[in-house]
Amino acid sequence: MMDVIVVIGSGSIAQAIARRVSVGKHILLADIKAENARQAEDTLSRAGFDVSTISVDVSSRQSIQDLVKAASALGKVMGIIHTAGLSPSQAKAQDIIRVDLYGTAVLFEEFGNVIASGGACVVIGSQSSHRLAVDALSQAQVDDLATLPPEDLLEMPLVREIDDSLYAYQISKRCNALRVMSEAVKWGKRGARINCISAGIIFTPLAYDELNSNERGTFYRNMLEKSPSGRGGTPDEIAALAEFLFGPNGTYVTGSDLLIDGGATASYKYGELRPQ
């Protein structure tokens, strides 16, 4: 039996990270679209990686439990790379909540029961959550987002009443970062770590959906232009940070939310992008 890296979502960021942290390990690729997983499997297999695939619906606890069982049957679960999610241009508010908020909370909980000592998890969050005002959430709401059982998250008035897709996305990604902090305490008891990477606009198919959307495309293109870096990021730049978090130099980092957005949030808070 080999050590296992579970990759949820099979897009360009997921593959870039997997390439850096999965040498000598078995990659279990999980995606709601079997064809996407098979295409990624073919690419990674041809690059010399040992890969298998499985279907998963992140909005379903049962489906996630089936994924955990399949991963555990292959060997020790040493890593989880969670990149699956819906963007504001792709889905309605409550669908985003079900996948990005609830599903991620369930993944952390279920994999937290089997992660091996020395293991690690990285979830891809978003710069968008950092645009929320510091007083957008009360301390009680923050604590609930961090600690409530996943099913109870869906019953929070804050969550249940969201009908705007962008706000649903921002709250979901904020919840991801808060859950990472809470779960780090539990994962630490197993000798494992968990962190969030809040990514900016990274050139992926999902990002191109946003950049070309009628509703938010102009906003995001302006964000790239007026950010300190003046550009979007690449999947390999996210993968380089993830490699650090998975590797021996990142063993003191857990429960953290690392913002990597070319300074777009800085400009939004204190620069040219600051709302008037």
C-alpha atoms as a PDB file:
ATOM      1  CA  MET A   1       0.000   0.000   0.000  1.00  0.00           C
ATOM      2  CA  MET A   2       1.219   3.475  -0.909  1.00  0.00           C
ATOM      3  CA  ASP A   3       0.843   6.795   0.795  1.00  0.00           C
ATOM      4  CA  VAL A   4      -2.134   8.602  -0.705  1.00  0.00           C
ATOM      5  CA  ILE A   5      -2.698  12.178  -1.839  1.00  0.00           C
ATOM      6  CA  VAL A   6      -6.386  12.952  -2.321  1.00  0.00           C
ATOM      7  CA  VAL A   7      -7.081  15.666  -4.879  1.00  0.00           C
ATOM      8  CA  ILE A   8     -10.612  17.077  -4.889  1.00  0.00           C
ATOM      9  CA  GLY A   9     -11.214  18.908  -8.136  1.00  0.00           C
ATOM     10  CA  SER A  10      -9.069  18.141 -11.177  1.00  0.00           C
ATOM     11  CA  GLY A  11      -8.403  21.588 -12.622  1.00  0.00           C
ATOM     12  CA  SER A  12      -5.132  23.329 -13.360  1.00  0.00           C
ATOM     13  CA  ILE A  13      -4.384  24.424  -9.775  1.00  0.00           C
ATOM     14  CA  ALA A  14      -5.117  20.941  -8.440  1.00  0.00           C
ATOM     15  CA  GLN A  15      -2.835  19.334 -11.012  1.00  0.00           C
ATOM     16  CA  ALA A  16      -0.052  21.869 -10.450  1.00  0.00           C
ATOM     17  CA  ILE A  17      -0.047  21.167  -6.714  1.00  0.00           C
ATOM     18  CA  ALA A  18      -0.325  17.411  -7.196  1.00  0.00           C
ATOM     19  CA  ARG A  19       2.742  17.395  -9.434  1.00  0.00           C
ATOM     20  CA  ARG A  20       4.824  19.010  -6.695  1.00  0.00           C
ATOM     21  CA  VAL A  21       3.765  16.914  -3.701  1.00  0.00           C
ATOM     22  CA  SER A  22       2.832  13.478  -5.060  1.00  0.00           C
ATOM     23  CA  VAL A  23       6.065  11.914  -6.312  1.00  0.00           C
ATOM     24  CA  GLY A  24       6.214   8.352  -4.977  1.00  0.00           C
ATOM     25  CA  LYS A  25       2.633   8.517  -3.732  1.00  0.00           C
ATOM     26  CA  HIS A  26      -0.710   7.433  -5.137  1.00  0.00           C
ATOM     27  CA  ILE A  27      -2.966  10.238  -6.347  1.00  0.00           C
ATOM     28  CA  LEU A  28      -6.694   9.708  -5.901  1.00  0.00           C
ATOM     29  CA  LEU A  29      -8.387  12.256  -8.150  1.00  0.00           C
ATOM     30  CA  ALA A  30     -11.966  13.090  -7.172  1.00  0.00           C
ATOM     31  CA  ASP A  31     -14.304  15.195  -9.295  1.00  0.00           C
ATOM     32  CA  ILE A  32     -18.045  15.484  -9.806  1.00  0.00           C
ATOM     33  CA  LYS A  33     -17.406  15.205 -13.551  1.00  0.00           C
ATOM     34  CA  ALA A  34     -15.881  11.819 -14.335  1.00  0.00           C
ATOM     35  CA  GLU A  35     -14.611  12.994 -17.716  1.00  0.00           C
ATOM     36  CA  ASN A  36     -12.605  15.820 -16.138  1.00  0.00           C
ATOM     37  CA  ALA A  37     -11.023  13.378 -13.700  1.00  0.00           C
ATOM     38  CA  ARG A  38     -10.160  10.942 -16.495  1.00  0.00           C
ATOM     39  CA  GLN A  39      -8.508  13.681 -18.543  1.00  0.00           C
ATOM     40  CA  ALA A  40      -6.421  14.749 -15.551  1.00  0.00           C
ATOM     41  CA  GLU A  41      -5.591  11.125 -14.817  1.00  0.00           C
ATOM     42  CA  ASP A  42      -4.311  10.661 -18.365  1.00  0.00           C
ATOM     43  CA  THR A  43      -2.155  13.804 -18.144  1.00  0.00           C
ATOM     44  CA  LEU A  44      -0.652  12.925 -14.774  1.00  0.00           C
ATOM     45  CA  SER A  45      -0.178   9.252 -15.607  1.00  0.00           C
ATOM     46  CA  ARG A  46       1.752  10.157 -18.747  1.00  0.00           C
ATOM     47  CA  ALA A  47       3.946  12.354 -16.549  1.00  0.00           C
ATOM     48  CA  GLY A  48       4.858   9.328 -14.434  1.00  0.00           C
ATOM     49  CA  PHE A  49       2.409   9.584 -11.535  1.00  0.00           C
ATOM     50  CA  ASP A  50       0.385   6.724 -10.084  1.00  0.00           C
ATOM     51  CA  VAL A  51      -3.246   7.860 -10.377  1.00  0.00           C
ATOM     52  CA  SER A  52      -6.791   6.587  -9.951  1.00  0.00           C
ATOM     53  CA  THR A  53     -10.098   8.430 -10.085  1.00  0.00           C
ATOM     54  CA  ILE A  54     -13.398   8.526  -8.260  1.00  0.00           C
ATOM     55  CA  SER A  55     -16.560  10.578  -8.549  1.00  0.00           C
ATOM     56  CA  VAL A  56     -17.508  12.839  -5.659  1.00  0.00           C
ATOM     57  CA  ASP A  57     -20.299  15.293  -4.978  1.00  0.00           C
ATOM     58  CA  VAL A  58     -18.866  17.699  -2.413  1.00  0.00           C
ATOM     59  CA  SER A  59     -22.372  18.848  -1.431  1.00  0.00           C
ATOM     60  CA  SER A  60     -23.163  15.325  -0.136  1.00  0.00           C
ATOM     61  CA  ARG A  61     -21.828  13.967   3.160  1.00  0.00           C
ATOM     62  CA  GLN A  62     -22.425  10.396   1.971  1.00  0.00           C
ATOM     63  CA  SER A  63     -20.411  11.005  -1.186  1.00  0.00           C
ATOM     64  CA  ILE A  64     -17.563  12.494   0.855  1.00  0.00           C
ATOM     65  CA  GLN A  65     -17.658   9.534   3.245  1.00  0.00           C
ATOM     66  CA  ASP A  66     -17.389   7.200   0.240  1.00  0.00           C
ATOM     67  CA  LEU A  67     -14.351   9.182  -0.921  1.00  0.00           C
ATOM     68  CA  VAL A  68     -12.714   8.874   2.501  1.00  0.00           C
ATOM     69  CA  LYS A  69     -13.302   5.113   2.521  1.00  0.00           C
ATOM     70  CA  ALA A  70     -11.850   4.719  -0.964  1.00  0.00           C
ATOM     71  CA  ALA A  71      -8.778   6.766  -0.053  1.00  0.00           C
ATOM     72  CA  SER A  72      -8.212   4.872   3.189  1.00  0.00           C
ATOM     73  CA  ALA A  73      -8.445   1.539   1.365  1.00  0.00           C
ATOM     74  CA  LEU A  74      -5.536   2.570  -0.871  1.00  0.00           C
ATOM     75  CA  GLY A  75      -3.119   3.390   1.944  1.00  0.00           C
ATOM     76  CA  LYS A  76      -2.233   6.064   4.477  1.00  0.00           C
ATOM     77  CA  VAL A  77      -3.902   9.376   3.654  1.00  0.00           C
ATOM     78  CA  MET A  78      -0.981  11.803   3.802  1.00  0.00           C
ATOM     79  CA  GLY A  79      -2.410  14.748   1.905  1.00  0.00           C
ATOM     80  CA  ILE A  80      -5.613  16.430   0.811  1.00  0.00           C
ATOM     81  CA  ILE A  81      -5.652  19.061  -1.917  1.00  0.00           C
ATOM     82  CA  HIS A  82      -9.121  20.628  -1.972  1.00  0.00           C
ATOM     83  CA  THR A  83      -9.765  22.859  -4.975  1.00  0.00           C
ATOM     84  CA  ALA A  84     -13.356  22.001  -5.913  1.00  0.00           C
ATOM     85  CA  GLY A  85     -15.966  24.731  -5.706  1.00  0.00           C
ATOM     86  CA  LEU A  86     -18.408  26.989  -7.495  1.00  0.00           C
ATOM     87  CA  SER A  87     -17.789  30.607  -8.466  1.00  0.00           C
ATOM     88  CA  PRO A  88     -20.286  33.499  -8.396  1.00  0.00           C
ATOM     89  CA  SER A  89     -20.644  33.437 -12.173  1.00  0.00           C
ATOM     90  CA  GLN A  90     -21.395  29.719 -12.219  1.00  0.00           C
ATOM     91  CA  ALA A  91     -24.120  29.128  -9.660  1.00  0.00           C
ATOM     92  CA  LYS A  92     -26.901  30.464  -7.472  1.00  0.00           C
ATOM     93  CA  ALA A  93     -26.159  31.633  -3.942  1.00  0.00           C
ATOM     94  CA  GLN A  94     -27.451  28.625  -2.038  1.00  0.00           C
ATOM     95  CA  ASP A  95     -25.757  26.190  -4.426  1.00  0.00           C
ATOM     96  CA  ILE A  96     -22.465  27.919  -3.663  1.00  0.00           C
ATOM     97  CA  ILE A  97     -23.222  27.667   0.047  1.00  0.00           C
ATOM     98  CA  ARG A  98     -23.913  23.945  -0.259  1.00  0.00           C
ATOM     99  CA  VAL A  99     -20.667  23.186  -2.091  1.00  0.00           C
ATOM    100  CA  ASP A 100     -18.134  25.793  -0.977  1.00  0.00           C
ATOM    101  CA  LEU A 101     -19.217  26.245   2.645  1.00  0.00           C
ATOM    102  CA  TYR A 102     -20.987  23.084   3.771  1.00  0.00           C
ATOM    103  CA  GLY A 103     -19.074  20.626   1.594  1.00  0.00           C
ATOM    104  CA  THR A 104     -15.698  21.966   2.649  1.00  0.00           C
ATOM    105  CA  ALA A 105     -16.667  21.781   6.323  1.00  0.00           C
ATOM    106  CA  VAL A 106     -17.685  18.136   5.864  1.00  0.00           C
ATOM    107  CA  LEU A 107     -14.450  17.325   4.031  1.00  0.00           C
ATOM    108  CA  PHE A 108     -12.376  18.740   6.876  1.00  0.00           C
ATOM    109  CA  GLU A 109     -14.392  16.805   9.430  1.00  0.00           C
ATOM    110  CA  GLU A 110     -14.371  13.453   7.631  1.00  0.00           C
ATOM    111  CA  PHE A 111     -10.726  13.514   6.530  1.00  0.00           C
ATOM    112  CA  GLY A 112      -9.771  14.757   9.979  1.00  0.00           C
ATOM    113  CA  ASN A 113     -10.800  11.325  11.246  1.00  0.00           C
ATOM    114  CA  VAL A 114      -8.342   9.449   9.000  1.00  0.00           C
ATOM    115  CA  ILE A 115      -5.458  11.792   8.165  1.00  0.00           C
ATOM    116  CA  ALA A 116      -2.135  10.142   9.010  1.00  0.00           C
ATOM    117  CA  SER A 117       0.502  11.564  11.297  1.00  0.00           C
ATOM    118  CA  GLY A 118       2.684  13.894   9.263  1.00  0.00           C
ATOM    119  CA  GLY A 119      -0.165  14.512   6.851  1.00  0.00           C
ATOM    120  CA  ALA A 120      -1.403  17.865   5.607  1.00  0.00           C
ATOM    121  CA  CYS A 121      -4.314  19.522   3.853  1.00  0.00           C
ATOM    122  CA  VAL A 122      -4.476  22.638   1.726  1.00  0.00           C
ATOM    123  CA  VAL A 123      -7.776  24.189   0.670  1.00  0.00           C
ATOM    124  CA  ILE A 124      -7.986  26.882  -1.985  1.00  0.00           C
ATOM    125  CA  GLY A 125      -9.858  29.861  -0.587  1.00  0.00           C
ATOM    126  CA  SER A 126     -10.199  33.288  -2.170  1.00  0.00           C
ATOM    127  CA  GLN A 127      -9.022  36.865  -1.902  1.00  0.00           C
ATOM    128  CA  SER A 128     -12.718  37.733  -2.176  1.00  0.00           C
ATOM    129  CA  SER A 129     -13.271  36.826   1.473  1.00  0.00           C
ATOM    130  CA  HIS A 130     -10.638  39.398   2.448  1.00  0.00           C
ATOM    131  CA  ARG A 131     -12.721  42.168   0.892  1.00  0.00           C
ATOM    132  CA  LEU A 132     -15.332  41.751   3.610  1.00  0.00           C
ATOM    133  CA  ALA A 133     -15.225  44.590   6.120  1.00  0.00           C
ATOM    134  CA  VAL A 134     -13.616  43.712   9.438  1.00  0.00           C
ATOM    135  CA  ASP A 135     -16.968  44.298  11.156  1.00  0.00           C
ATOM    136  CA  ALA A 136     -19.054  42.475   8.533  1.00  0.00           C
ATOM    137  CA  LEU A 137     -19.452  39.555  10.935  1.00  0.00           C
ATOM    138  CA  SER A 138     -19.999  39.588  14.667  1.00  0.00           C
ATOM    139  CA  GLN A 139     -17.699  37.566  16.914  1.00  0.00           C
ATOM    140  CA  ALA A 140     -20.566  35.162  17.551  1.00  0.00           C
ATOM    141  CA  GLN A 141     -21.051  34.630  13.806  1.00  0.00           C
ATOM    142  CA  VAL A 142     -17.314  34.104  13.318  1.00  0.00           C
ATOM    143  CA  ASP A 143     -17.232  31.516  16.103  1.00  0.00           C
ATOM    144  CA  ASP A 144     -20.272  29.725  14.684  1.00  0.00           C
ATOM    145  CA  LEU A 145     -18.784  29.602  11.175  1.00  0.00           C
ATOM    146  CA  ALA A 146     -15.606  28.168  12.679  1.00  0.00           C
ATOM    147  CA  THR A 147     -17.066  25.562  14.980  1.00  0.00           C
ATOM    148  CA  LEU A 148     -20.689  24.571  14.305  1.00  0.00           C
ATOM    149  CA  PRO A 149     -21.342  21.078  12.936  1.00  0.00           C
ATOM    150  CA  PRO A 150     -21.599  21.347   9.128  1.00  0.00           C
ATOM    151  CA  GLU A 151     -25.335  20.675   8.998  1.00  0.00           C
ATOM    152  CA  ASP A 152     -25.921  23.428  11.574  1.00  0.00           C
ATOM    153  CA  LEU A 153     -24.008  25.890   9.409  1.00  0.00           C
ATOM    154  CA  LEU A 154     -26.804  25.690   6.860  1.00  0.00           C
ATOM    155  CA  GLU A 155     -29.323  26.756   9.517  1.00  0.00           C
ATOM    156  CA  MET A 156     -27.471  29.911  10.557  1.00  0.00           C
ATOM    157  CA  PRO A 157     -29.699  32.931   9.725  1.00  0.00           C
ATOM    158  CA  LEU A 158     -26.667  34.612   8.156  1.00  0.00           C
ATOM    159  CA  VAL A 159     -26.168  31.672   5.801  1.00  0.00           C
ATOM    160  CA  ARG A 160     -29.782  30.698   5.168  1.00  0.00           C
ATOM    161  CA  GLU A 161     -30.798  34.196   4.068  1.00  0.00           C
ATOM    162  CA  ILE A 162     -28.030  34.818   1.516  1.00  0.00           C
ATOM    163  CA  ASP A 163     -29.411  35.253  -1.987  1.00  0.00           C
ATOM    164  CA  ASP A 164     -26.493  37.052  -3.666  1.00  0.00           C
ATOM    165  CA  SER A 165     -23.976  34.763  -5.363  1.00  0.00           C
ATOM    166  CA  LEU A 166     -20.931  36.950  -4.723  1.00  0.00           C
ATOM    167  CA  TYR A 167     -21.761  37.372  -1.039  1.00  0.00           C
ATOM    168  CA  ALA A 168     -22.408  33.632  -0.759  1.00  0.00           C
ATOM    169  CA  TYR A 169     -18.957  33.029  -2.216  1.00  0.00           C
ATOM    170  CA  GLN A 170     -17.288  35.529   0.113  1.00  0.00           C
ATOM    171  CA  ILE A 171     -18.948  34.091   3.217  1.00  0.00           C
ATOM    172  CA  SER A 172     -18.157  30.548   2.112  1.00  0.00           C
ATOM    173  CA  LYS A 173     -14.485  31.302   1.600  1.00  0.00           C
ATOM    174  CA  ARG A 174     -14.345  33.205   4.881  1.00  0.00           C
ATOM    175  CA  CYS A 175     -15.864  30.137   6.521  1.00  0.00           C
ATOM    176  CA  ASN A 176     -13.203  27.934   4.890  1.00  0.00           C
ATOM    177  CA  ALA A 177     -10.425  29.985   6.494  1.00  0.00           C
ATOM    178  CA  LEU A 178     -12.158  29.967   9.884  1.00  0.00           C
ATOM    179  CA  ARG A 179     -12.759  26.215   9.726  1.00  0.00           C
ATOM    180  CA  VAL A 180      -9.074  25.683   8.952  1.00  0.00           C
ATOM    181  CA  MET A 181      -8.192  27.468  12.178  1.00  0.00           C
ATOM    182  CA  SER A 182     -10.690  25.422  14.177  1.00  0.00           C
ATOM    183  CA  GLU A 183      -9.798  22.108  12.552  1.00  0.00           C
ATOM    184  CA  ALA A 184      -6.069  22.701  13.056  1.00  0.00           C
ATOM    185  CA  VAL A 185      -6.603  22.054  16.763  1.00  0.00           C
ATOM    186  CA  LYS A 186      -8.213  18.674  16.043  1.00  0.00           C
ATOM    187  CA  TRP A 187      -5.831  17.697  13.262  1.00  0.00           C
ATOM    188  CA  GLY A 188      -2.882  18.563  15.478  1.00  0.00           C
ATOM    189  CA  LYS A 189      -3.880  15.806  17.873  1.00  0.00           C
ATOM    190  CA  ARG A 190      -3.276  13.378  14.995  1.00  0.00           C
ATOM    191  CA  GLY A 191       0.061  14.983  14.124  1.00  0.00           C
ATOM    192  CA  ALA A 192      -1.370  16.580  10.975  1.00  0.00           C
ATOM    193  CA  ARG A 193      -1.713  20.111   9.641  1.00  0.00           C
ATOM    194  CA  ILE A 194      -4.311  22.057   7.660  1.00  0.00           C
ATOM    195  CA  ASN A 195      -4.068  25.439   5.925  1.00  0.00           C
ATOM    196  CA  CYS A 196      -5.931  27.709   3.524  1.00  0.00           C
ATOM    197  CA  ILE A 197      -4.523  29.536   0.504  1.00  0.00           C
ATOM    198  CA  SER A 198      -6.672  32.573  -0.324  1.00  0.00           C
ATOM    199  CA  ALA A 199      -5.850  32.953  -3.978  1.00  0.00           C
ATOM    200  CA  GLY A 200      -6.339  35.998  -6.142  1.00  0.00           C
ATOM    201  CA  ILE A 201      -7.241  35.879  -9.813  1.00  0.00           C
ATOM    202  CA  ILE A 202      -5.339  32.863 -11.116  1.00  0.00           C
ATOM    203  CA  PHE A 203      -5.488  32.122 -14.822  1.00  0.00           C
ATOM    204  CA  THR A 204      -7.741  29.084 -14.886  1.00  0.00           C
ATOM    205  CA  PRO A 205     -10.955  28.340 -16.803  1.00  0.00           C
ATOM    206  CA  LEU A 206     -12.938  29.416 -13.743  1.00  0.00           C
ATOM    207  CA  ALA A 207     -11.104  32.755 -13.647  1.00  0.00           C
ATOM    208  CA  TYR A 208     -11.758  33.317 -17.324  1.00  0.00           C
ATOM    209  CA  ASP A 209     -15.475  32.790 -16.611  1.00  0.00           C
ATOM    210  CA  GLU A 210     -15.274  35.627 -14.101  1.00  0.00           C
ATOM    211  CA  LEU A 211     -13.109  37.882 -16.268  1.00  0.00           C
ATOM    212  CA  ASN A 212     -15.509  37.512 -19.187  1.00  0.00           C
ATOM    213  CA  SER A 213     -18.780  37.565 -17.253  1.00  0.00           C
ATOM    214  CA  ASN A 214     -21.217  40.381 -17.974  1.00  0.00           C
ATOM    215  CA  GLU A 215     -21.867  40.950 -14.305  1.00  0.00           C
ATOM    216  CA  ARG A 216     -18.334  41.109 -12.876  1.00  0.00           C
ATOM    217  CA  GLY A 217     -15.866  40.956 -15.769  1.00  0.00           C
ATOM    218  CA  THR A 218     -15.112  44.680 -15.853  1.00  0.00           C
ATOM    219  CA  PHE A 219     -14.582  44.732 -12.078  1.00  0.00           C
ATOM    220  CA  TYR A 220     -12.079  41.891 -12.172  1.00  0.00           C
ATOM    221  CA  ARG A 221     -10.178  43.197 -15.189  1.00  0.00           C
ATOM    222  CA  ASN A 222      -9.869  46.549 -13.433  1.00  0.00           C
ATOM    223  CA  MET A 223      -8.655  44.736 -10.322  1.00  0.00           C
ATOM    224  CA  LEU A 224      -5.808  43.131 -12.241  1.00  0.00           C
ATOM    225  CA  GLU A 225      -4.809  46.426 -13.828  1.00  0.00           C
ATOM    226  CA  LYS A 226      -4.759  48.340 -10.552  1.00  0.00           C
ATOM    227  CA  SER A 227      -3.210  45.729  -8.291  1.00  0.00           C
ATOM    228  CA  PRO A 228       0.432  46.313  -7.256  1.00  0.00           C
ATOM    229  CA  SER A 229       1.600  43.374  -9.366  1.00  0.00           C
ATOM    230  CA  GLY A 230      -0.494  44.494 -12.342  1.00  0.00           C
ATOM    231  CA  ARG A 231      -1.346  40.949 -13.373  1.00  0.00           C
ATOM    232  CA  GLY A 232      -3.069  37.735 -12.484  1.00  0.00           C
ATOM    233  CA  GLY A 233      -1.345  34.711 -11.048  1.00  0.00           C
ATOM    234  CA  THR A 234      -0.503  31.299 -12.435  1.00  0.00           C
ATOM    235  CA  PRO A 235      -1.390  27.861 -11.089  1.00  0.00           C
ATOM    236  CA  ASP A 236       2.315  27.168 -10.585  1.00  0.00           C
ATOM    237  CA  GLU A 237       2.631  30.157  -8.227  1.00  0.00           C
ATOM    238  CA  ILE A 238      -0.153  28.725  -6.065  1.00  0.00           C
ATOM    239  CA  ALA A 239       1.472  25.299  -6.291  1.00  0.00           C
ATOM    240  CA  ALA A 240       4.808  26.681  -5.095  1.00  0.00           C
ATOM    241  CA  LEU A 241       3.162  27.975  -1.914  1.00  0.00           C
ATOM    242  CA  ALA A 242       1.282  24.716  -1.444  1.00  0.00           C
ATOM    243  CA  GLU A 243       4.515  22.770  -1.851  1.00  0.00           C
ATOM    244  CA  PHE A 244       6.022  24.789   0.993  1.00  0.00           C
ATOM    245  CA  LEU A 245       2.988  24.082   3.199  1.00  0.00           C
ATOM    246  CA  PHE A 246       3.148  20.353   2.466  1.00  0.00           C
ATOM    247  CA  GLY A 247       6.905  20.111   2.775  1.00  0.00           C
ATOM    248  CA  PRO A 248       9.451  19.969   5.599  1.00  0.00           C
ATOM    249  CA  ASN A 249       9.917  23.746   5.693  1.00  0.00           C
ATOM    250  CA  GLY A 250       6.222  24.290   6.372  1.00  0.00           C
ATOM    251  CA  THR A 251       5.796  22.054   9.402  1.00  0.00           C
ATOM    252  CA  TYR A 252       5.293  25.013  11.775  1.00  0.00           C
ATOM    253  CA  VAL A 253       2.407  26.367   9.692  1.00  0.00           C
ATOM    254  CA  THR A 254      -1.087  25.154  10.540  1.00  0.00           C
ATOM    255  CA  GLY A 255      -4.455  26.801  11.003  1.00  0.00           C
ATOM    256  CA  SER A 256      -3.318  29.629   8.732  1.00  0.00           C
ATOM    257  CA  ASP A 257      -4.924  31.540   5.878  1.00  0.00           C
ATOM    258  CA  LEU A 258      -2.304  32.752   3.417  1.00  0.00           C
ATOM    259  CA  LEU A 259      -3.342  35.534   1.018  1.00  0.00           C
ATOM    260  CA  ILE A 260      -1.639  35.372  -2.401  1.00  0.00           C
ATOM    261  CA  ASP A 261      -3.265  37.874  -4.766  1.00  0.00           C
ATOM    262  CA  GLY A 262      -0.595  40.155  -6.210  1.00  0.00           C
ATOM    263  CA  GLY A 263      -1.636  42.878  -3.793  1.00  0.00           C
ATOM    264  CA  ALA A 264      -5.187  43.232  -5.122  1.00  0.00           C
ATOM    265  CA  THR A 265      -6.651  43.222  -1.611  1.00  0.00           C
ATOM    266  CA  ALA A 266      -4.093  45.823  -0.532  1.00  0.00           C
ATOM    267  CA  SER A 267      -5.207  48.064  -3.383  1.00  0.00           C
ATOM    268  CA  TYR A 268      -8.864  47.451  -2.547  1.00  0.00           C
ATOM    269  CA  LYS A 269      -8.281  48.438   1.080  1.00  0.00           C
ATOM    270  CA  TYR A 270      -5.787  51.273   0.665  1.00  0.00           C
ATOM    271  CA  GLY A 271      -5.096  51.942  -3.011  1.00  0.00           C
ATOM    272  CA  GLU A 272      -6.710  52.740  -6.334  1.00  0.00           C
ATOM    273  CA  LEU A 273      -9.330  50.039  -5.975  1.00  0.00           C
ATOM    274  CA  ARG A 274     -10.635  51.425  -2.677  1.00  0.00           C
ATOM    275  CA  PRO A 275     -14.402  52.026  -2.938  1.00  0.00           C
ATOM    276  CA  GLN A 276     -15.273  55.717  -2.924  1.00  0.00           C
END
